[in-house]
Amino acid sequence: MVMLFGFTVFSFSFAHVLLLGYVQKHRGVMTVMQGMMVAMTVGMIGGIFVGTWVALNLDDLFLATFISMGLAIVLGVITGIPIHLFAVMDGVVSGAMGGMMGAMLGVMIMPEHGNVTLQLLLLLLVSSYSLVIYALDQALGIHRKLLHHPVFLVIIYCLYFIIGFII
């Protein structure tokens, strides 16, 4: 295994659960376009991360591509279902594209650089999800304290990932 399995699964799952919980909580007041953006972000960024992770652990590009596409499509569909059919379609398309790109990236990376690549992609994923939540808060008129500002959250996530990388 390229990266600590437990750390990766926990971080990836935790970020998704937080974003999906946010979408579920605010689905009644979100517009279709906002829902499409969330589903597209989850499908694309999640697909790139999953595709890279799968490809680093498999030697077969064909198999890694279709596994990562399938997982990313599922992520996009799960995110889009509470909102609208357009959001589901956007999640499917961006999930397929993100899964393909992630698998290609994972095959091109040298194995000794796999951990660093996955750490950076996980940081990109969590940062993107934080920005999505912040943008939706702004669009929905929800004002939060400084602790919920994306810059502060990205700094906390960076420290978290540095600790995870050391472990």
N, C-alpha and C. Protein backbone atom coordinates (compact mmCIF):
# COMPACT_ATOMS: atom_id res chain seq x y z
N MET A 1 0.84 -1.18 0.00
CA MET A 1 0.00 0.00 0.00
C MET A 1 0.89 1.24 0.00
N VAL A 2 0.52 2.21 -0.80
CA VAL A 2 1.36 3.38 -0.96
C VAL A 2 1.26 4.31 0.25
N MET A 3 0.08 4.58 0.69
CA MET A 3 -0.12 5.51 1.80
C MET A 3 -0.81 4.78 2.94
N LEU A 4 -0.64 5.27 4.14
CA LEU A 4 -1.29 4.67 5.28
C LEU A 4 -2.78 4.52 4.99
N PHE A 5 -3.25 3.30 4.95
CA PHE A 5 -4.62 3.03 4.52
C PHE A 5 -5.64 3.69 5.43
N GLY A 6 -5.48 3.54 6.73
CA GLY A 6 -6.44 4.10 7.68
C GLY A 6 -6.53 5.61 7.61
N PHE A 7 -5.39 6.27 7.51
CA PHE A 7 -5.37 7.73 7.43
C PHE A 7 -6.07 8.21 6.17
N THR A 8 -5.79 7.56 5.06
CA THR A 8 -6.40 7.96 3.79
C THR A 8 -7.90 7.77 3.80
N VAL A 9 -8.34 6.60 4.21
CA VAL A 9 -9.77 6.31 4.22
C VAL A 9 -10.50 7.22 5.19
N PHE A 10 -9.92 7.43 6.36
CA PHE A 10 -10.57 8.31 7.34
C PHE A 10 -10.69 9.74 6.81
N SER A 11 -9.61 10.29 6.30
CA SER A 11 -9.62 11.67 5.82
C SER A 11 -10.57 11.85 4.65
N PHE A 12 -10.52 10.93 3.70
CA PHE A 12 -11.38 11.00 2.52
C PHE A 12 -12.85 10.87 2.94
N SER A 13 -13.14 9.89 3.78
CA SER A 13 -14.53 9.66 4.20
C SER A 13 -15.06 10.80 5.06
N PHE A 14 -14.22 11.31 5.96
CA PHE A 14 -14.65 12.40 6.83
C PHE A 14 -15.00 13.65 6.02
N ALA A 15 -14.17 13.98 5.05
CA ALA A 15 -14.44 15.15 4.21
C ALA A 15 -15.74 14.98 3.44
N HIS A 16 -15.97 13.77 2.91
CA HIS A 16 -17.19 13.53 2.15
C HIS A 16 -18.43 13.56 3.04
N VAL A 17 -18.34 12.97 4.21
CA VAL A 17 -19.48 12.96 5.11
C VAL A 17 -19.85 14.38 5.53
N LEU A 18 -18.86 15.21 5.81
CA LEU A 18 -19.14 16.60 6.17
C LEU A 18 -19.84 17.34 5.04
N LEU A 19 -19.32 17.20 3.83
CA LEU A 19 -19.92 17.91 2.70
C LEU A 19 -21.31 17.37 2.38
N LEU A 20 -21.48 16.07 2.41
CA LEU A 20 -22.80 15.49 2.13
C LEU A 20 -23.81 15.87 3.21
N GLY A 21 -23.37 15.94 4.46
CA GLY A 21 -24.25 16.38 5.52
C GLY A 21 -24.68 17.83 5.33
N TYR A 22 -23.76 18.65 4.89
CA TYR A 22 -24.06 20.06 4.62
C TYR A 22 -25.08 20.17 3.48
N VAL A 23 -24.87 19.40 2.42
CA VAL A 23 -25.79 19.42 1.28
C VAL A 23 -27.17 18.95 1.72
N GLN A 24 -27.22 17.89 2.49
CA GLN A 24 -28.50 17.35 2.96
C GLN A 24 -29.23 18.37 3.83
N LYS A 25 -28.49 19.06 4.67
CA LYS A 25 -29.10 20.05 5.57
C LYS A 25 -29.68 21.24 4.81
N HIS A 26 -29.01 21.67 3.76
CA HIS A 26 -29.41 22.89 3.05
C HIS A 26 -30.03 22.61 1.68
N ARG A 27 -30.41 21.39 1.41
CA ARG A 27 -30.90 21.07 0.06
C ARG A 27 -32.18 21.80 -0.32
N GLY A 28 -32.99 22.17 0.64
CA GLY A 28 -34.23 22.87 0.34
C GLY A 28 -34.04 24.30 -0.12
N VAL A 29 -32.94 24.91 0.24
CA VAL A 29 -32.72 26.32 -0.11
C VAL A 29 -31.65 26.49 -1.19
N MET A 30 -31.00 25.40 -1.58
CA MET A 30 -29.98 25.49 -2.63
C MET A 30 -30.65 25.53 -4.00
N THR A 31 -30.10 26.32 -4.90
CA THR A 31 -30.59 26.31 -6.27
C THR A 31 -30.02 25.10 -7.00
N VAL A 32 -30.60 24.80 -8.15
CA VAL A 32 -30.11 23.68 -8.95
C VAL A 32 -28.67 23.93 -9.39
N MET A 33 -28.35 25.15 -9.75
CA MET A 33 -27.00 25.47 -10.19
C MET A 33 -25.99 25.29 -9.06
N GLN A 34 -26.35 25.68 -7.85
CA GLN A 34 -25.45 25.47 -6.72
C GLN A 34 -25.25 23.97 -6.47
N GLY A 35 -26.31 23.20 -6.57
CA GLY A 35 -26.20 21.76 -6.41
C GLY A 35 -25.35 21.12 -7.49
N MET A 36 -25.46 21.63 -8.70
CA MET A 36 -24.64 21.11 -9.78
C MET A 36 -23.16 21.39 -9.53
N MET A 37 -22.86 22.56 -9.00
CA MET A 37 -21.46 22.89 -8.70
C MET A 37 -20.90 21.98 -7.60
N VAL A 38 -21.72 21.68 -6.60
CA VAL A 38 -21.26 20.80 -5.53
C VAL A 38 -21.02 19.39 -6.07
N ALA A 39 -21.97 18.88 -6.87
CA ALA A 39 -21.81 17.53 -7.43
C ALA A 39 -20.62 17.46 -8.37
N MET A 40 -20.39 18.52 -9.13
CA MET A 40 -19.26 18.54 -10.05
C MET A 40 -17.94 18.58 -9.27
N THR A 41 -17.89 19.34 -8.20
CA THR A 41 -16.67 19.40 -7.39
C THR A 41 -16.39 18.05 -6.75
N VAL A 42 -17.39 17.43 -6.19
CA VAL A 42 -17.20 16.12 -5.55
C VAL A 42 -16.79 15.08 -6.58
N GLY A 43 -17.47 15.04 -7.71
CA GLY A 43 -17.13 14.06 -8.73
C GLY A 43 -15.73 14.25 -9.28
N MET A 44 -15.35 15.48 -9.55
CA MET A 44 -14.05 15.74 -10.17
C MET A 44 -12.89 15.57 -9.18
N ILE A 45 -12.93 16.27 -8.08
CA ILE A 45 -11.83 16.20 -7.13
C ILE A 45 -11.77 14.82 -6.48
N GLY A 46 -12.93 14.28 -6.12
CA GLY A 46 -12.96 12.93 -5.56
C GLY A 46 -12.48 11.90 -6.55
N GLY A 47 -12.82 12.07 -7.82
CA GLY A 47 -12.37 11.15 -8.86
C GLY A 47 -10.88 11.20 -9.09
N ILE A 48 -10.33 12.39 -9.08
CA ILE A 48 -8.87 12.50 -9.25
C ILE A 48 -8.15 11.82 -8.09
N PHE A 49 -8.63 12.04 -6.86
CA PHE A 49 -7.98 11.42 -5.71
C PHE A 49 -8.14 9.90 -5.74
N VAL A 50 -9.36 9.43 -5.94
CA VAL A 50 -9.61 7.97 -5.96
C VAL A 50 -8.86 7.32 -7.10
N GLY A 51 -8.88 7.94 -8.26
CA GLY A 51 -8.18 7.37 -9.42
C GLY A 51 -6.69 7.26 -9.21
N THR A 52 -6.10 8.28 -8.62
CA THR A 52 -4.67 8.23 -8.34
C THR A 52 -4.36 7.15 -7.31
N TRP A 53 -5.17 7.08 -6.28
CA TRP A 53 -4.97 6.09 -5.22
C TRP A 53 -5.10 4.67 -5.75
N VAL A 54 -6.12 4.43 -6.56
CA VAL A 54 -6.33 3.09 -7.14
C VAL A 54 -5.19 2.75 -8.09
N ALA A 55 -4.81 3.67 -8.95
CA ALA A 55 -3.76 3.39 -9.93
C ALA A 55 -2.40 3.16 -9.28
N LEU A 56 -2.13 3.82 -8.17
CA LEU A 56 -0.87 3.59 -7.47
C LEU A 56 -0.82 2.20 -6.84
N ASN A 57 -1.98 1.62 -6.59
CA ASN A 57 -2.03 0.31 -5.96
C ASN A 57 -2.28 -0.82 -6.94
N LEU A 58 -2.60 -0.51 -8.18
CA LEU A 58 -2.79 -1.51 -9.23
C LEU A 58 -1.79 -1.24 -10.35
N ASP A 59 -1.38 -2.27 -11.02
CA ASP A 59 -0.46 -2.09 -12.15
C ASP A 59 -1.18 -2.02 -13.49
N ASP A 60 -2.47 -2.19 -13.47
CA ASP A 60 -3.25 -2.25 -14.70
C ASP A 60 -4.02 -0.94 -14.89
N LEU A 61 -3.65 -0.17 -15.91
CA LEU A 61 -4.32 1.12 -16.16
C LEU A 61 -5.79 0.91 -16.53
N PHE A 62 -6.09 -0.11 -17.31
CA PHE A 62 -7.47 -0.37 -17.73
C PHE A 62 -8.36 -0.61 -16.52
N LEU A 63 -7.94 -1.50 -15.65
CA LEU A 63 -8.74 -1.82 -14.46
C LEU A 63 -8.83 -0.62 -13.52
N ALA A 64 -7.71 0.07 -13.31
CA ALA A 64 -7.71 1.24 -12.44
C ALA A 64 -8.63 2.34 -12.96
N THR A 65 -8.66 2.51 -14.27
CA THR A 65 -9.52 3.54 -14.86
C THR A 65 -10.98 3.25 -14.59
N PHE A 66 -11.41 2.03 -14.82
CA PHE A 66 -12.83 1.73 -14.66
C PHE A 66 -13.25 1.63 -13.19
N ILE A 67 -12.37 1.19 -12.33
CA ILE A 67 -12.69 1.18 -10.89
C ILE A 67 -12.82 2.61 -10.39
N SER A 68 -11.88 3.47 -10.74
CA SER A 68 -11.92 4.85 -10.26
C SER A 68 -13.08 5.62 -10.89
N MET A 69 -13.38 5.36 -12.14
CA MET A 69 -14.54 6.01 -12.76
C MET A 69 -15.82 5.61 -12.04
N GLY A 70 -15.95 4.32 -11.74
CA GLY A 70 -17.15 3.85 -11.05
C GLY A 70 -17.31 4.46 -9.66
N LEU A 71 -16.22 4.51 -8.91
CA LEU A 71 -16.29 5.09 -7.57
C LEU A 71 -16.58 6.59 -7.62
N ALA A 72 -15.97 7.28 -8.56
CA ALA A 72 -16.20 8.73 -8.67
C ALA A 72 -17.62 9.02 -9.14
N ILE A 73 -18.15 8.20 -10.02
CA ILE A 73 -19.54 8.38 -10.46
C ILE A 73 -20.49 8.19 -9.28
N VAL A 74 -20.21 7.19 -8.46
CA VAL A 74 -21.04 6.96 -7.27
C VAL A 74 -21.00 8.18 -6.35
N LEU A 75 -19.81 8.75 -6.15
CA LEU A 75 -19.70 9.96 -5.32
C LEU A 75 -20.52 11.11 -5.90
N GLY A 76 -20.43 11.32 -7.20
CA GLY A 76 -21.18 12.40 -7.84
C GLY A 76 -22.68 12.18 -7.75
N VAL A 77 -23.12 10.93 -7.92
CA VAL A 77 -24.55 10.63 -7.86
C VAL A 77 -25.08 10.82 -6.44
N ILE A 78 -24.34 10.32 -5.45
CA ILE A 78 -24.78 10.47 -4.06
C ILE A 78 -24.88 11.94 -3.68
N THR A 79 -23.99 12.75 -4.18
CA THR A 79 -24.03 14.18 -3.87
C THR A 79 -25.18 14.87 -4.59
N GLY A 80 -25.47 14.48 -5.82
CA GLY A 80 -26.49 15.15 -6.60
C GLY A 80 -27.92 14.72 -6.31
N ILE A 81 -28.12 13.51 -5.78
CA ILE A 81 -29.47 12.98 -5.56
C ILE A 81 -30.34 13.89 -4.70
N PRO A 82 -29.85 14.43 -3.58
CA PRO A 82 -30.76 15.27 -2.77
C PRO A 82 -31.16 16.57 -3.44
N ILE A 83 -30.51 16.94 -4.53
CA ILE A 83 -30.72 18.27 -5.08
C ILE A 83 -31.62 18.23 -6.31
N HIS A 84 -31.16 17.61 -7.39
CA HIS A 84 -31.93 17.61 -8.63
C HIS A 84 -31.28 16.63 -9.61
N LEU A 85 -32.04 16.24 -10.62
CA LEU A 85 -31.51 15.33 -11.64
C LEU A 85 -30.35 15.96 -12.42
N PHE A 86 -30.39 17.27 -12.62
CA PHE A 86 -29.27 17.93 -13.29
C PHE A 86 -27.99 17.80 -12.48
N ALA A 87 -28.10 17.90 -11.17
CA ALA A 87 -26.92 17.74 -10.31
C ALA A 87 -26.40 16.31 -10.39
N VAL A 88 -27.29 15.33 -10.48
CA VAL A 88 -26.87 13.94 -10.63
C VAL A 88 -26.12 13.75 -11.94
N MET A 89 -26.66 14.30 -13.03
CA MET A 89 -26.00 14.18 -14.33
C MET A 89 -24.63 14.86 -14.33
N ASP A 90 -24.55 16.01 -13.69
CA ASP A 90 -23.27 16.71 -13.58
C ASP A 90 -22.27 15.90 -12.77
N GLY A 91 -22.73 15.29 -11.68
CA GLY A 91 -21.86 14.45 -10.87
C GLY A 91 -21.37 13.22 -11.63
N VAL A 92 -22.23 12.64 -12.47
CA VAL A 92 -21.83 11.46 -13.26
C VAL A 92 -20.75 11.82 -14.27
N VAL A 93 -20.97 12.88 -15.00
CA VAL A 93 -20.03 13.27 -16.05
C VAL A 93 -18.69 13.71 -15.45
N SER A 94 -18.73 14.54 -14.43
CA SER A 94 -17.47 14.99 -13.84
C SER A 94 -16.78 13.86 -13.08
N GLY A 95 -17.54 12.94 -12.51
CA GLY A 95 -16.94 11.79 -11.85
C GLY A 95 -16.20 10.89 -12.83
N ALA A 96 -16.81 10.66 -13.99
CA ALA A 96 -16.14 9.84 -15.01
C ALA A 96 -14.85 10.52 -15.47
N MET A 97 -14.92 11.82 -15.69
CA MET A 97 -13.73 12.55 -16.15
C MET A 97 -12.65 12.57 -15.06
N GLY A 98 -13.03 12.84 -13.82
CA GLY A 98 -12.06 12.87 -12.73
C GLY A 98 -11.44 11.50 -12.49
N GLY A 99 -12.23 10.44 -12.59
CA GLY A 99 -11.69 9.10 -12.42
C GLY A 99 -10.67 8.74 -13.48
N MET A 100 -10.95 9.13 -14.72
CA MET A 100 -9.98 8.87 -15.80
C MET A 100 -8.70 9.66 -15.59
N MET A 101 -8.83 10.93 -15.24
CA MET A 101 -7.64 11.76 -15.05
C MET A 101 -6.81 11.26 -13.87
N GLY A 102 -7.47 10.87 -12.78
CA GLY A 102 -6.75 10.37 -11.63
C GLY A 102 -6.01 9.08 -11.92
N ALA A 103 -6.64 8.18 -12.68
CA ALA A 103 -5.97 6.92 -13.03
C ALA A 103 -4.74 7.20 -13.90
N MET A 104 -4.86 8.11 -14.83
CA MET A 104 -3.70 8.44 -15.67
C MET A 104 -2.58 9.06 -14.84
N LEU A 105 -2.95 9.93 -13.90
CA LEU A 105 -1.95 10.54 -13.03
C LEU A 105 -1.26 9.48 -12.17
N GLY A 106 -2.04 8.56 -11.62
CA GLY A 106 -1.47 7.53 -10.76
C GLY A 106 -0.52 6.61 -11.48
N VAL A 107 -0.78 6.32 -12.75
CA VAL A 107 0.11 5.45 -13.52
C VAL A 107 1.40 6.18 -13.87
N MET A 108 1.33 7.48 -14.09
CA MET A 108 2.52 8.24 -14.49
C MET A 108 3.46 8.55 -13.33
N ILE A 109 2.96 8.52 -12.11
CA ILE A 109 3.78 8.88 -10.96
C ILE A 109 4.70 7.72 -10.59
N MET A 110 5.93 8.06 -10.26
CA MET A 110 6.86 7.04 -9.78
C MET A 110 6.42 6.62 -8.38
N PRO A 111 6.52 5.34 -8.05
CA PRO A 111 6.02 4.84 -6.76
C PRO A 111 6.59 5.56 -5.54
N GLU A 112 7.83 6.00 -5.61
CA GLU A 112 8.41 6.67 -4.45
C GLU A 112 7.81 8.06 -4.20
N HIS A 113 7.10 8.60 -5.19
CA HIS A 113 6.45 9.90 -5.02
C HIS A 113 4.95 9.76 -4.75
N GLY A 114 4.48 8.55 -4.56
CA GLY A 114 3.05 8.31 -4.37
C GLY A 114 2.49 8.93 -3.10
N ASN A 115 3.23 8.80 -1.99
CA ASN A 115 2.73 9.35 -0.72
C ASN A 115 2.56 10.86 -0.78
N VAL A 116 3.56 11.54 -1.32
CA VAL A 116 3.49 13.00 -1.40
C VAL A 116 2.35 13.43 -2.32
N THR A 117 2.20 12.73 -3.42
CA THR A 117 1.13 13.07 -4.36
C THR A 117 -0.23 12.90 -3.72
N LEU A 118 -0.43 11.79 -3.02
CA LEU A 118 -1.72 11.56 -2.37
C LEU A 118 -1.97 12.57 -1.25
N GLN A 119 -0.94 12.95 -0.53
CA GLN A 119 -1.10 13.97 0.51
C GLN A 119 -1.54 15.30 -0.11
N LEU A 120 -0.90 15.68 -1.21
CA LEU A 120 -1.26 16.93 -1.86
C LEU A 120 -2.67 16.88 -2.44
N LEU A 121 -3.03 15.75 -3.03
CA LEU A 121 -4.39 15.61 -3.57
C LEU A 121 -5.43 15.60 -2.47
N LEU A 122 -5.11 15.00 -1.34
CA LEU A 122 -6.04 15.01 -0.21
C LEU A 122 -6.19 16.42 0.33
N LEU A 123 -5.11 17.16 0.37
CA LEU A 123 -5.18 18.56 0.78
C LEU A 123 -6.01 19.37 -0.21
N LEU A 124 -5.84 19.12 -1.50
CA LEU A 124 -6.66 19.79 -2.52
C LEU A 124 -8.12 19.45 -2.36
N LEU A 125 -8.42 18.19 -2.08
CA LEU A 125 -9.80 17.74 -1.90
C LEU A 125 -10.45 18.44 -0.71
N VAL A 126 -9.80 18.41 0.43
CA VAL A 126 -10.37 19.01 1.63
C VAL A 126 -10.47 20.53 1.49
N SER A 127 -9.49 21.14 0.87
CA SER A 127 -9.54 22.58 0.65
C SER A 127 -10.67 22.96 -0.30
N SER A 128 -10.84 22.18 -1.35
CA SER A 128 -11.93 22.44 -2.30
C SER A 128 -13.29 22.30 -1.63
N TYR A 129 -13.44 21.28 -0.81
CA TYR A 129 -14.71 21.09 -0.12
C TYR A 129 -14.98 22.23 0.87
N SER A 130 -13.91 22.72 1.52
CA SER A 130 -14.07 23.86 2.43
C SER A 130 -14.52 25.10 1.67
N LEU A 131 -13.92 25.31 0.51
CA LEU A 131 -14.31 26.47 -0.30
C LEU A 131 -15.74 26.35 -0.82
N VAL A 132 -16.16 25.14 -1.15
CA VAL A 132 -17.54 24.93 -1.59
C VAL A 132 -18.51 25.27 -0.46
N ILE A 133 -18.22 24.79 0.74
CA ILE A 133 -19.09 25.10 1.87
C ILE A 133 -19.09 26.60 2.15
N TYR A 134 -17.94 27.24 2.08
CA TYR A 134 -17.87 28.68 2.31
C TYR A 134 -18.66 29.44 1.24
N ALA A 135 -18.52 29.04 -0.03
CA ALA A 135 -19.25 29.72 -1.10
C ALA A 135 -20.76 29.52 -0.95
N LEU A 136 -21.16 28.32 -0.56
CA LEU A 136 -22.58 28.09 -0.35
C LEU A 136 -23.11 28.89 0.84
N ASP A 137 -22.31 29.00 1.90
CA ASP A 137 -22.70 29.84 3.03
C ASP A 137 -22.93 31.27 2.58
N GLN A 138 -22.02 31.78 1.75
CA GLN A 138 -22.16 33.15 1.26
C GLN A 138 -23.41 33.29 0.40
N ALA A 139 -23.65 32.32 -0.47
CA ALA A 139 -24.81 32.39 -1.36
C ALA A 139 -26.13 32.24 -0.60
N LEU A 140 -26.11 31.45 0.46
CA LEU A 140 -27.34 31.22 1.22
C LEU A 140 -27.54 32.23 2.34
N GLY A 141 -26.59 33.15 2.50
CA GLY A 141 -26.71 34.19 3.52
C GLY A 141 -26.38 33.71 4.92
N ILE A 142 -25.59 32.67 5.04
CA ILE A 142 -25.18 32.15 6.34
C ILE A 142 -23.84 32.78 6.68
N HIS A 143 -23.77 33.46 7.81
CA HIS A 143 -22.53 34.11 8.22
C HIS A 143 -21.98 33.37 9.43
N ARG A 144 -20.75 32.90 9.28
CA ARG A 144 -20.11 32.13 10.35
C ARG A 144 -18.93 32.91 10.91
N LYS A 145 -18.40 32.40 11.99
CA LYS A 145 -17.28 33.04 12.66
C LYS A 145 -15.99 32.78 11.90
N LEU A 146 -14.91 33.35 12.38
CA LEU A 146 -13.60 33.23 11.75
C LEU A 146 -13.15 31.78 11.65
N LEU A 147 -13.54 30.95 12.59
CA LEU A 147 -13.11 29.55 12.58
C LEU A 147 -13.61 28.79 11.35
N HIS A 148 -14.62 29.30 10.68
CA HIS A 148 -15.15 28.63 9.50
C HIS A 148 -14.65 29.26 8.20
N HIS A 149 -13.77 30.24 8.28
CA HIS A 149 -13.23 30.86 7.08
C HIS A 149 -12.29 29.87 6.39
N PRO A 150 -12.34 29.78 5.06
CA PRO A 150 -11.54 28.77 4.35
C PRO A 150 -10.04 28.87 4.58
N VAL A 151 -9.50 30.08 4.72
CA VAL A 151 -8.06 30.21 4.93
C VAL A 151 -7.67 29.57 6.27
N PHE A 152 -8.45 29.83 7.29
CA PHE A 152 -8.19 29.23 8.59
C PHE A 152 -8.31 27.71 8.53
N LEU A 153 -9.34 27.22 7.84
CA LEU A 153 -9.53 25.78 7.72
C LEU A 153 -8.40 25.12 6.92
N VAL A 154 -7.93 25.77 5.88
CA VAL A 154 -6.84 25.20 5.08
C VAL A 154 -5.56 25.12 5.92
N ILE A 155 -5.32 26.11 6.76
CA ILE A 155 -4.15 26.05 7.64
C ILE A 155 -4.26 24.88 8.61
N ILE A 156 -5.43 24.69 9.18
CA ILE A 156 -5.64 23.55 10.08
C ILE A 156 -5.45 22.23 9.32
N TYR A 157 -5.99 22.14 8.10
CA TYR A 157 -5.84 20.92 7.31
C TYR A 157 -4.38 20.67 6.95
N CYS A 158 -3.64 21.73 6.65
CA CYS A 158 -2.22 21.56 6.35
C CYS A 158 -1.49 20.96 7.54
N LEU A 159 -1.77 21.45 8.72
CA LEU A 159 -1.14 20.88 9.92
C LEU A 159 -1.56 19.43 10.11
N TYR A 160 -2.82 19.14 9.86
CA TYR A 160 -3.32 17.78 9.98
C TYR A 160 -2.60 16.84 9.01
N PHE A 161 -2.41 17.29 7.78
CA PHE A 161 -1.76 16.45 6.78
C PHE A 161 -0.27 16.31 7.03
N ILE A 162 0.35 17.34 7.58
CA ILE A 162 1.76 17.22 7.94
C ILE A 162 1.92 16.17 9.03
N ILE A 163 1.04 16.19 10.00
CA ILE A 163 1.07 15.16 11.04
C ILE A 163 0.81 13.79 10.45
N GLY A 164 -0.16 13.70 9.54
CA GLY A 164 -0.45 12.42 8.89
C GLY A 164 0.69 11.92 8.03
N PHE A 165 1.42 12.83 7.44
CA PHE A 165 2.54 12.45 6.60
C PHE A 165 3.70 11.94 7.44
N ILE A 166 3.87 12.53 8.61
CA ILE A 166 4.94 12.10 9.52
C ILE A 166 4.65 10.71 10.08
N ILE A 167 3.38 10.47 10.36
CA ILE A 167 3.00 9.16 10.93
C ILE A 167 3.22 8.12 9.93
